[in-house]
C-alpha atoms as a PDB file:
ATOM      1  CA  MET A   1     -40.404  14.792  -7.848  1.00  0.00           C
ATOM      2  CA  ASN A   2     -36.625  15.346  -7.800  1.00  0.00           C
ATOM      3  CA  LEU A   3     -34.517  12.261  -7.109  1.00  0.00           C
ATOM      4  CA  PHE A   4     -30.837  12.121  -6.176  1.00  0.00           C
ATOM      5  CA  ILE A   5     -29.098   8.741  -6.579  1.00  0.00           C
ATOM      6  CA  ILE A   6     -26.090   7.783  -4.455  1.00  0.00           C
ATOM      7  CA  GLU A   7     -24.657   4.549  -5.841  1.00  0.00           C
ATOM      8  CA  ASP A   8     -21.046   3.550  -6.598  1.00  0.00           C
ATOM      9  CA  GLU A   9     -21.845   0.799  -9.104  1.00  0.00           C
ATOM     10  CA  VAL A  10     -22.547   2.189 -12.570  1.00  0.00           C
ATOM     11  CA  VAL A  11     -24.668  -0.790 -13.602  1.00  0.00           C
ATOM     12  CA  ALA A  12     -26.770  -0.544 -10.440  1.00  0.00           C
ATOM     13  CA  ALA A  13     -27.206   3.206 -10.904  1.00  0.00           C
ATOM     14  CA  GLU A  14     -28.349   2.722 -14.494  1.00  0.00           C
ATOM     15  CA  ARG A  15     -30.815   0.057 -13.376  1.00  0.00           C
ATOM     16  CA  ILE A  16     -32.309   2.461 -10.851  1.00  0.00           C
ATOM     17  CA  ARG A  17     -32.578   5.147 -13.527  1.00  0.00           C
ATOM     18  CA  GLU A  18     -34.366   2.783 -15.892  1.00  0.00           C
ATOM     19  CA  LEU A  19     -36.767   1.523 -13.233  1.00  0.00           C
ATOM     20  CA  ILE A  20     -37.646   5.080 -12.266  1.00  0.00           C
ATOM     21  CA  ARG A  21     -38.341   5.945 -15.918  1.00  0.00           C
ATOM     22  CA  GLN A  22     -40.722   2.981 -16.092  1.00  0.00           C
ATOM     23  CA  ILE A  23     -42.443   3.672 -12.786  1.00  0.00           C
ATOM     24  CA  ASP A  24     -42.681   7.464 -12.929  1.00  0.00           C
ATOM     25  CA  PRO A  25     -41.735   9.085 -16.260  1.00  0.00           C
ATOM     26  CA  ASP A  26     -42.319  12.540 -14.746  1.00  0.00           C
ATOM     27  CA  ALA A  27     -39.710  12.069 -12.032  1.00  0.00           C
ATOM     28  CA  ARG A  28     -36.485  14.079 -12.460  1.00  0.00           C
ATOM     29  CA  ILE A  29     -33.145  12.524 -11.596  1.00  0.00           C
ATOM     30  CA  VAL A  30     -31.273  15.669 -10.571  1.00  0.00           C
ATOM     31  CA  GLY A  31     -27.945  14.038  -9.817  1.00  0.00           C
ATOM     32  CA  TRP A  32     -25.884  10.922  -9.275  1.00  0.00           C
ATOM     33  CA  ALA A  33     -22.867  10.461  -6.994  1.00  0.00           C
ATOM     34  CA  ASP A  34     -20.662   7.432  -6.405  1.00  0.00           C
ATOM     35  CA  SER A  35     -18.850   8.502  -3.234  1.00  0.00           C
ATOM     36  CA  VAL A  36     -19.267  10.191   0.122  1.00  0.00           C
ATOM     37  CA  ASP A  37     -17.278  13.228  -1.020  1.00  0.00           C
ATOM     38  CA  ALA A  38     -19.239  13.675  -4.259  1.00  0.00           C
ATOM     39  CA  SER A  39     -22.539  13.303  -2.413  1.00  0.00           C
ATOM     40  CA  VAL A  40     -21.594  15.921   0.164  1.00  0.00           C
ATOM     41  CA  GLN A  41     -20.482  18.321  -2.560  1.00  0.00           C
ATOM     42  CA  PHE A  42     -23.750  17.924  -4.482  1.00  0.00           C
ATOM     43  CA  LEU A  43     -25.946  18.342  -1.407  1.00  0.00           C
ATOM     44  CA  GLN A  44     -24.018  21.403  -0.235  1.00  0.00           C
ATOM     45  CA  THR A  45     -24.401  23.139  -3.593  1.00  0.00           C
ATOM     46  CA  HIS A  46     -28.031  22.215  -4.281  1.00  0.00           C
ATOM     47  CA  LYS A  47     -30.084  23.758  -1.517  1.00  0.00           C
ATOM     48  CA  ALA A  48     -33.406  25.520  -2.021  1.00  0.00           C
ATOM     49  CA  GLY A  49     -32.941  25.453  -5.795  1.00  0.00           C
ATOM     50  CA  PRO A  50     -34.653  23.756  -8.739  1.00  0.00           C
ATOM     51  CA  ASP A  51     -32.383  20.708  -8.375  1.00  0.00           C
ATOM     52  CA  ASP A  52     -32.873  20.355  -4.627  1.00  0.00           C
ATOM     53  CA  PRO A  53     -33.784  16.643  -4.144  1.00  0.00           C
ATOM     54  CA  ASP A  54     -37.171  15.648  -2.752  1.00  0.00           C
ATOM     55  CA  LEU A  55     -35.992  12.084  -2.167  1.00  0.00           C
ATOM     56  CA  ILE A  56     -32.589  10.375  -1.996  1.00  0.00           C
ATOM     57  CA  LEU A  57     -31.881   6.780  -2.996  1.00  0.00           C
ATOM     58  CA  MET A  58     -28.739   6.026  -0.995  1.00  0.00           C
ATOM     59  CA  ASP A  59     -26.467   3.001  -1.192  1.00  0.00           C
ATOM     60  CA  ILE A  60     -24.781   2.163   2.113  1.00  0.00           C
ATOM     61  CA  GLU A  61     -21.336   0.992   0.957  1.00  0.00           C
ATOM     62  CA  LEU A  62     -19.570   3.554  -1.269  1.00  0.00           C
ATOM     63  CA  VAL A  63     -16.081   3.689  -2.760  1.00  0.00           C
ATOM     64  CA  ASP A  64     -14.727   5.938  -0.010  1.00  0.00           C
ATOM     65  CA  GLY A  65     -16.721   4.791   3.013  1.00  0.00           C
ATOM     66  CA  GLN A  66     -20.226   4.256   4.298  1.00  0.00           C
ATOM     67  CA  SER A  67     -22.943   6.666   3.270  1.00  0.00           C
ATOM     68  CA  PHE A  68     -23.760   7.311   6.938  1.00  0.00           C
ATOM     69  CA  GLU A  69     -20.730   9.610   6.903  1.00  0.00           C
ATOM     70  CA  ILE A  70     -22.623  11.985   4.592  1.00  0.00           C
ATOM     71  CA  PHE A  71     -24.910  12.930   7.469  1.00  0.00           C
ATOM     72  CA  GLN A  72     -21.914  14.083   9.505  1.00  0.00           C
ATOM     73  CA  GLU A  73     -20.928  16.552   6.786  1.00  0.00           C
ATOM     74  CA  VAL A  74     -24.196  18.028   5.534  1.00  0.00           C
ATOM     75  CA  GLU A  75     -27.722  18.387   6.877  1.00  0.00           C
ATOM     76  CA  ILE A  76     -30.225  16.245   4.982  1.00  0.00           C
ATOM     77  CA  THR A  77     -33.837  17.302   5.354  1.00  0.00           C
ATOM     78  CA  CYS A  78     -35.500  15.166   2.694  1.00  0.00           C
ATOM     79  CA  PRO A  79     -36.539  11.505   3.023  1.00  0.00           C
ATOM     80  CA  VAL A  80     -34.062   8.723   2.303  1.00  0.00           C
ATOM     81  CA  ILE A  81     -34.491   5.239   0.859  1.00  0.00           C
ATOM     82  CA  PHE A  82     -31.455   3.098   1.621  1.00  0.00           C
ATOM     83  CA  THR A  83     -30.260   0.434  -0.802  1.00  0.00           C
ATOM     84  CA  THR A  84     -27.950  -2.393   0.211  1.00  0.00           C
ATOM     85  CA  ALA A  85     -26.687  -5.746  -0.994  1.00  0.00           C
ATOM     86  CA  TYR A  86     -26.139  -7.012   2.546  1.00  0.00           C
ATOM     87  CA  ASP A  87     -28.878  -8.898   4.311  1.00  0.00           C
ATOM     88  CA  GLU A  88     -27.499  -8.026   7.750  1.00  0.00           C
ATOM     89  CA  TYR A  89     -28.419  -4.402   7.116  1.00  0.00           C
ATOM     90  CA  ALA A  90     -32.033  -5.284   6.365  1.00  0.00           C
ATOM     91  CA  LEU A  91     -33.186  -4.599   9.892  1.00  0.00           C
ATOM     92  CA  ARG A  92     -36.136  -3.056  11.650  1.00  0.00           C
ATOM     93  CA  ALA A  93     -33.976   0.049  12.140  1.00  0.00           C
ATOM     94  CA  PHE A  94     -34.567   1.129   8.558  1.00  0.00           C
ATOM     95  CA  LYS A  95     -38.312   1.019   8.991  1.00  0.00           C
ATOM     96  CA  VAL A  96     -37.981   3.121  12.125  1.00  0.00           C
ATOM     97  CA  HIS A  97     -35.405   5.687  11.038  1.00  0.00           C
ATOM     98  CA  SER A  98     -35.893   6.087   7.277  1.00  0.00           C
ATOM     99  CA  ILE A  99     -38.602   5.980   4.671  1.00  0.00           C
ATOM    100  CA  ASP A 100     -37.623   2.514   3.485  1.00  0.00           C
ATOM    101  CA  TYR A 101     -34.805   0.195   2.476  1.00  0.00           C
ATOM    102  CA  LEU A 102     -34.347  -1.934  -0.656  1.00  0.00           C
ATOM    103  CA  LEU A 103     -32.211  -5.045  -1.021  1.00  0.00           C
ATOM    104  CA  LYS A 104     -30.129  -5.407  -4.164  1.00  0.00           C
ATOM    105  CA  PRO A 105     -30.705  -6.319  -6.891  1.00  0.00           C
ATOM    106  CA  ILE A 106     -33.557  -3.845  -6.704  1.00  0.00           C
ATOM    107  CA  GLN A 107     -36.842  -5.163  -8.043  1.00  0.00           C
ATOM    108  CA  ARG A 108     -39.296  -3.004  -9.954  1.00  0.00           C
ATOM    109  CA  GLU A 109     -42.258  -3.789  -7.695  1.00  0.00           C
ATOM    110  CA  GLU A 110     -40.304  -3.041  -4.521  1.00  0.00           C
ATOM    111  CA  LEU A 111     -39.061   0.303  -5.858  1.00  0.00           C
ATOM    112  CA  HIS A 112     -42.601   1.102  -6.988  1.00  0.00           C
ATOM    113  CA  ASN A 113     -43.905   0.409  -3.482  1.00  0.00           C
ATOM    114  CA  SER A 114     -41.211   2.590  -1.910  1.00  0.00           C
ATOM    115  CA  LEU A 115     -41.969   5.520  -4.224  1.00  0.00           C
ATOM    116  CA  THR A 116     -45.666   5.109  -3.519  1.00  0.00           C
ATOM    117  CA  LYS A 117     -44.937   5.233   0.186  1.00  0.00           C
ATOM    118  CA  PHE A 118     -42.935   8.411  -0.359  1.00  0.00           C
ATOM    119  CA  ARG A 119     -45.796  10.065  -2.267  1.00  0.00           C
ATOM    120  CA  GLN A 120     -48.226   9.202   0.509  1.00  0.00           C
ATOM    121  CA  LEU A 121     -45.969  10.895   3.040  1.00  0.00           C
ATOM    122  CA  SER A 122     -44.920  13.791   0.820  1.00  0.00           C
ATOM    123  CA  GLN A 123     -47.544  16.189   2.140  1.00  0.00           C
ATOM    124  CA  VAL A 124     -46.275  15.638   5.668  1.00  0.00           C
ATOM    125  CA  TYR A 125     -42.702  16.285   4.609  1.00  0.00           C
ATOM    126  CA  LYS A 126     -43.662  19.524   2.905  1.00  0.00           C
ATOM    127  CA  SER A 127     -44.754  20.994   6.198  1.00  0.00           C
ATOM    128  CA  VAL A 128     -42.675  19.077   8.733  1.00  0.00           C
ATOM    129  CA  THR A 129     -38.913  18.518   8.768  1.00  0.00           C
ATOM    130  CA  PRO A 130     -38.246  14.758   8.726  1.00  0.00           C
ATOM    131  CA  THR A 131     -37.199  13.388  12.111  1.00  0.00           C
ATOM    132  CA  PHE A 132     -34.310  11.264  10.863  1.00  0.00           C
ATOM    133  CA  ASP A 133     -31.740  10.242  13.466  1.00  0.00           C
ATOM    134  CA  VAL A 134     -28.871   8.628  11.577  1.00  0.00           C
ATOM    135  CA  ASN A 135     -26.842   8.142  14.769  1.00  0.00           C
ATOM    136  CA  ALA A 136     -29.634   6.107  16.331  1.00  0.00           C
ATOM    137  CA  LEU A 137     -29.806   4.062  13.139  1.00  0.00           C
ATOM    138  CA  ILE A 138     -26.066   3.395  13.150  1.00  0.00           C
ATOM    139  CA  ASP A 139     -26.091   2.436  16.831  1.00  0.00           C
ATOM    140  CA  GLU A 140     -28.929  -0.014  16.246  1.00  0.00           C
ATOM    141  CA  LEU A 141     -27.174  -1.529  13.246  1.00  0.00           C
ATOM    142  CA  ARG A 142     -23.990  -1.986  15.243  1.00  0.00           C
ATOM    143  CA  ARG A 143     -25.790  -3.656  18.131  1.00  0.00           C
ATOM    144  CA  ALA A 144     -27.620  -5.982  15.770  1.00  0.00           C
ATOM    145  CA  THR A 145     -24.655  -6.941  13.579  1.00  0.00           C
ATOM    146  CA  ALA A 146     -21.794  -7.066  16.081  1.00  0.00           C
ATOM    147  CA  PRO A 147     -20.854 -10.550  17.378  1.00  0.00           C
ATOM    148  CA  THR A 148     -22.209 -11.159  20.855  1.00  0.00           C
ATOM    149  CA  SER A 149     -18.772 -12.227  22.039  1.00  0.00           C
ATOM    150  CA  LEU A 150     -17.109  -8.997  20.900  1.00  0.00           C
ATOM    151  CA  THR A 151     -14.893  -7.420  23.552  1.00  0.00           C
ATOM    152  CA  HIS A 152     -13.031  -4.143  23.399  1.00  0.00           C
ATOM    153  CA  ARG A 153      -9.500  -4.303  22.080  1.00  0.00           C
ATOM    154  CA  GLU A 154      -6.727  -3.410  24.478  1.00  0.00           C
ATOM    155  CA  HIS A 155      -3.822  -3.332  22.012  1.00  0.00           C
ATOM    156  CA  PHE A 156      -3.084  -2.760  18.324  1.00  0.00           C
ATOM    157  CA  LEU A 157      -0.195  -4.498  16.589  1.00  0.00           C
ATOM    158  CA  VAL A 158       1.499  -1.965  14.293  1.00  0.00           C
ATOM    159  CA  ARG A 159       4.611  -1.846  12.162  1.00  0.00           C
ATOM    160  CA  GLN A 160       7.651   0.310  12.901  1.00  0.00           C
ATOM    161  CA  GLY A 161       9.996  -0.290   9.993  1.00  0.00           C
ATOM    162  CA  GLN A 162      10.578  -4.056   9.935  1.00  0.00           C
ATOM    163  CA  ARG A 163       9.553  -4.380  13.546  1.00  0.00           C
ATOM    164  CA  LEU A 164       6.086  -5.136  14.896  1.00  0.00           C
ATOM    165  CA  ILE A 165       5.165  -3.447  18.166  1.00  0.00           C
ATOM    166  CA  SER A 166       2.087  -3.507  20.360  1.00  0.00           C
ATOM    167  CA  VAL A 167       0.466  -0.180  21.233  1.00  0.00           C
ATOM    168  CA  GLY A 168      -1.999  -0.117  24.101  1.00  0.00           C
ATOM    169  CA  VAL A 169      -5.333   1.552  23.452  1.00  0.00           C
ATOM    170  CA  ASP A 170      -4.741   3.728  26.505  1.00  0.00           C
ATOM    171  CA  GLU A 171      -1.649   5.107  24.704  1.00  0.00           C
ATOM    172  CA  VAL A 172      -3.711   6.298  21.714  1.00  0.00           C
ATOM    173  CA  ALA A 173      -4.694   9.962  21.482  1.00  0.00           C
ATOM    174  CA  TYR A 174      -6.716   9.495  18.326  1.00  0.00           C
ATOM    175  CA  PHE A 175      -7.189   7.420  15.204  1.00  0.00           C
ATOM    176  CA  TYR A 176      -7.450   9.255  11.901  1.00  0.00           C
ATOM    177  CA  SER A 177      -7.707   8.563   8.181  1.00  0.00           C
ATOM    178  CA  GLU A 178      -5.590  10.177   5.505  1.00  0.00           C
ATOM    179  CA  ASP A 179      -5.617   9.256   1.812  1.00  0.00           C
ATOM    180  CA  ARG A 180      -7.734   6.193   2.668  1.00  0.00           C
ATOM    181  CA  VAL A 181      -5.150   4.921   5.177  1.00  0.00           C
ATOM    182  CA  THR A 182      -5.916   4.680   8.893  1.00  0.00           C
ATOM    183  CA  PHE A 183      -3.340   5.834  11.440  1.00  0.00           C
ATOM    184  CA  LEU A 184      -3.150   5.925  15.201  1.00  0.00           C
ATOM    185  CA  LYS A 185      -1.377   8.742  16.989  1.00  0.00           C
ATOM    186  CA  ALA A 186      -0.098   8.169  20.483  1.00  0.00           C
ATOM    187  CA  HIS A 187      -0.135  10.728  23.279  1.00  0.00           C
ATOM    188  CA  ASP A 188       3.653  10.950  22.980  1.00  0.00           C
ATOM    189  CA  GLY A 189       3.442  11.972  19.320  1.00  0.00           C
ATOM    190  CA  ARG A 190       4.327   8.670  17.679  1.00  0.00           C
ATOM    191  CA  TYR A 191       2.088   7.595  14.827  1.00  0.00           C
ATOM    192  CA  PHE A 192       1.623   4.305  12.975  1.00  0.00           C
ATOM    193  CA  PRO A 193      -0.530   2.984  10.131  1.00  0.00           C
ATOM    194  CA  VAL A 194      -3.280   0.561  11.123  1.00  0.00           C
ATOM    195  CA  ASP A 195      -4.405  -2.259   8.830  1.00  0.00           C
ATOM    196  CA  GLN A 196      -8.108  -1.507   9.312  1.00  0.00           C
ATOM    197  CA  THR A 197     -10.593   1.137   8.297  1.00  0.00           C
ATOM    198  CA  LEU A 198     -11.670   3.767  10.782  1.00  0.00           C
ATOM    199  CA  GLU A 199     -15.118   2.160  10.834  1.00  0.00           C
ATOM    200  CA  GLU A 200     -13.621  -1.218  11.787  1.00  0.00           C
ATOM    201  CA  VAL A 201     -11.494   0.345  14.514  1.00  0.00           C
ATOM    202  CA  GLU A 202     -14.530   2.151  15.893  1.00  0.00           C
ATOM    203  CA  LEU A 203     -16.378  -1.140  16.331  1.00  0.00           C
ATOM    204  CA  GLN A 204     -13.524  -2.655  18.339  1.00  0.00           C
ATOM    205  CA  ILE A 205     -12.791   0.022  20.909  1.00  0.00           C
ATOM    206  CA  ASP A 206     -14.669   1.261  23.936  1.00  0.00           C
ATOM    207  CA  GLU A 207     -17.149   3.950  22.854  1.00  0.00           C
ATOM    208  CA  ARG A 208     -16.953   5.410  26.342  1.00  0.00           C
ATOM    209  CA  GLN A 209     -13.299   6.278  25.738  1.00  0.00           C
ATOM    210  CA  PHE A 210     -13.373   7.240  22.047  1.00  0.00           C
ATOM    211  CA  PHE A 211     -15.735   9.434  20.042  1.00  0.00           C
ATOM    212  CA  ARG A 212     -16.135   9.646  16.252  1.00  0.00           C
ATOM    213  CA  ALA A 213     -15.736  13.409  16.000  1.00  0.00           C
ATOM    214  CA  SER A 214     -15.786  13.478  12.181  1.00  0.00           C
ATOM    215  CA  ARG A 215     -15.299  11.264   9.170  1.00  0.00           C
ATOM    216  CA  GLN A 216     -11.528  11.492   9.629  1.00  0.00           C
ATOM    217  CA  TYR A 217     -11.077  11.463  13.419  1.00  0.00           C
ATOM    218  CA  LEU A 218     -11.848   9.078  16.254  1.00  0.00           C
ATOM    219  CA  VAL A 219     -10.615  10.817  19.400  1.00  0.00           C
ATOM    220  CA  ALA A 220      -9.844   9.729  22.953  1.00  0.00           C
ATOM    221  CA  ARG A 221     -11.136  11.800  25.836  1.00  0.00           C
ATOM    222  CA  PRO A 222      -7.687  12.857  27.190  1.00  0.00           C
ATOM    223  CA  ALA A 223      -6.692  14.140  23.731  1.00  0.00           C
ATOM    224  CA  VAL A 224      -9.444  16.784  23.690  1.00  0.00           C
ATOM    225  CA  THR A 225      -7.833  19.938  25.082  1.00  0.00           C
ATOM    226  CA  GLY A 226     -10.402  22.511  23.970  1.00  0.00           C
ATOM    227  CA  VAL A 227     -14.041  22.735  22.865  1.00  0.00           C
ATOM    228  CA  TYR A 228     -15.394  25.925  21.298  1.00  0.00           C
ATOM    229  CA  VAL A 229     -18.874  26.863  20.109  1.00  0.00           C
ATOM    230  CA  HIS A 230     -18.737  27.566  16.376  1.00  0.00           C
ATOM    231  CA  LEU A 231     -21.151  28.732  13.687  1.00  0.00           C
ATOM    232  CA  ASN A 232     -24.471  26.938  13.120  1.00  0.00           C
ATOM    233  CA  GLY A 233     -24.210  24.963  16.341  1.00  0.00           C
ATOM    234  CA  LYS A 234     -20.996  23.155  15.424  1.00  0.00           C
ATOM    235  CA  LEU A 235     -18.235  22.546  17.960  1.00  0.00           C
ATOM    236  CA  LYS A 236     -14.589  23.208  17.177  1.00  0.00           C
ATOM    237  CA  LEU A 237     -12.095  20.900  18.892  1.00  0.00           C
ATOM    238  CA  THR A 238      -8.409  21.231  19.657  1.00  0.00           C
ATOM    239  CA  LEU A 239      -6.383  18.107  20.266  1.00  0.00           C
ATOM    240  CA  LYS A 240      -3.092  17.106  21.795  1.00  0.00           C
ATOM    241  CA  PRO A 241      -0.991  16.179  19.884  1.00  0.00           C
ATOM    242  CA  ALA A 242      -2.125  19.068  17.683  1.00  0.00           C
ATOM    243  CA  ILE A 243      -3.412  18.506  14.150  1.00  0.00           C
ATOM    244  CA  ASN A 244      -2.861  20.654  11.066  1.00  0.00           C
ATOM    245  CA  GLU A 245      -6.514  21.141  10.196  1.00  0.00           C
ATOM    246  CA  MET A 246      -9.750  22.355  11.720  1.00  0.00           C
ATOM    247  CA  LEU A 247     -11.754  19.657  13.481  1.00  0.00           C
ATOM    248  CA  PHE A 248     -15.484  20.197  13.904  1.00  0.00           C
ATOM    249  CA  VAL A 249     -18.245  18.145  15.465  1.00  0.00           C
ATOM    250  CA  SER A 250     -21.426  18.637  13.446  1.00  0.00           C
ATOM    251  CA  ARG A 251     -24.438  20.368  14.942  1.00  0.00           C
ATOM    252  CA  ASP A 252     -26.396  17.086  14.920  1.00  0.00           C
ATOM    253  CA  ARG A 253     -23.705  15.277  16.905  1.00  0.00           C
ATOM    254  CA  ALA A 254     -22.830  18.145  19.244  1.00  0.00           C
ATOM    255  CA  PRO A 255     -25.285  17.115  22.025  1.00  0.00           C
ATOM    256  CA  GLU A 256     -23.982  13.536  21.924  1.00  0.00           C
ATOM    257  CA  PHE A 257     -20.389  14.764  22.091  1.00  0.00           C
ATOM    258  CA  LYS A 258     -21.112  17.010  25.086  1.00  0.00           C
ATOM    259  CA  LYS A 259     -22.751  14.092  26.887  1.00  0.00           C
ATOM    260  CA  TRP A 260     -19.782  11.828  26.069  1.00  0.00           C
ATOM    261  CA  LEU A 261     -17.180  14.382  27.164  1.00  0.00           C
ATOM    262  CA  GLY A 262     -18.968  15.109  30.426  1.00  0.00           C
ATOM    263  CA  GLY A 263     -19.819  11.482  31.182  1.00  0.00           C
END
């Protein structure tokens, strides 16, 4: 059994390694990553090879974002066990959409039970591609964890030099992240830093008006000026104001994007 560990805390990663050695000495830990970017790079370069993981132990909160973003960048076809230190994530959704979840600090017996569950299902996964819908999982987590009184934001207070100004959400073409800073870009070309992560912004705005096209971009419907079918079922987008990079919607999210754009 090949295991890939995604965990940004060195101590926690070492604990997982040690527990696996105790539980299953024959298991191979083929890699460890502490970030979304490193995880994507490993998974893209280890496909159908001797180090291709059979099972991933995946922490939710990583140094550069949430591990859910990994699924937007690379196709994962092996089972996943999520690990998290946050009780609010320990929801029925994980039992529905993944093999299992483990609360930190991870206990030996609980990890043993999860690996046993994986072995029992391994024959199925050898012949059938896992039906893992990370978007459904994320949606369920958001519904369960969002305050019931949450309403969509209508304005963002941003800084222009020493001056604070209010920008209406209807003025925003897209939100984007760059060097771990979130910005909004208005339809008229102005742009401002926002004191929140892209994930936090996404939770506050109307999902009918904005779509998370990629890890870096959260786009408004009027900003999408072109949609083109690309390789492997991806969609290539053009935006106004224009951006200096290629923007793709992953194959897995393409149907959802088409439904959103045509809704």
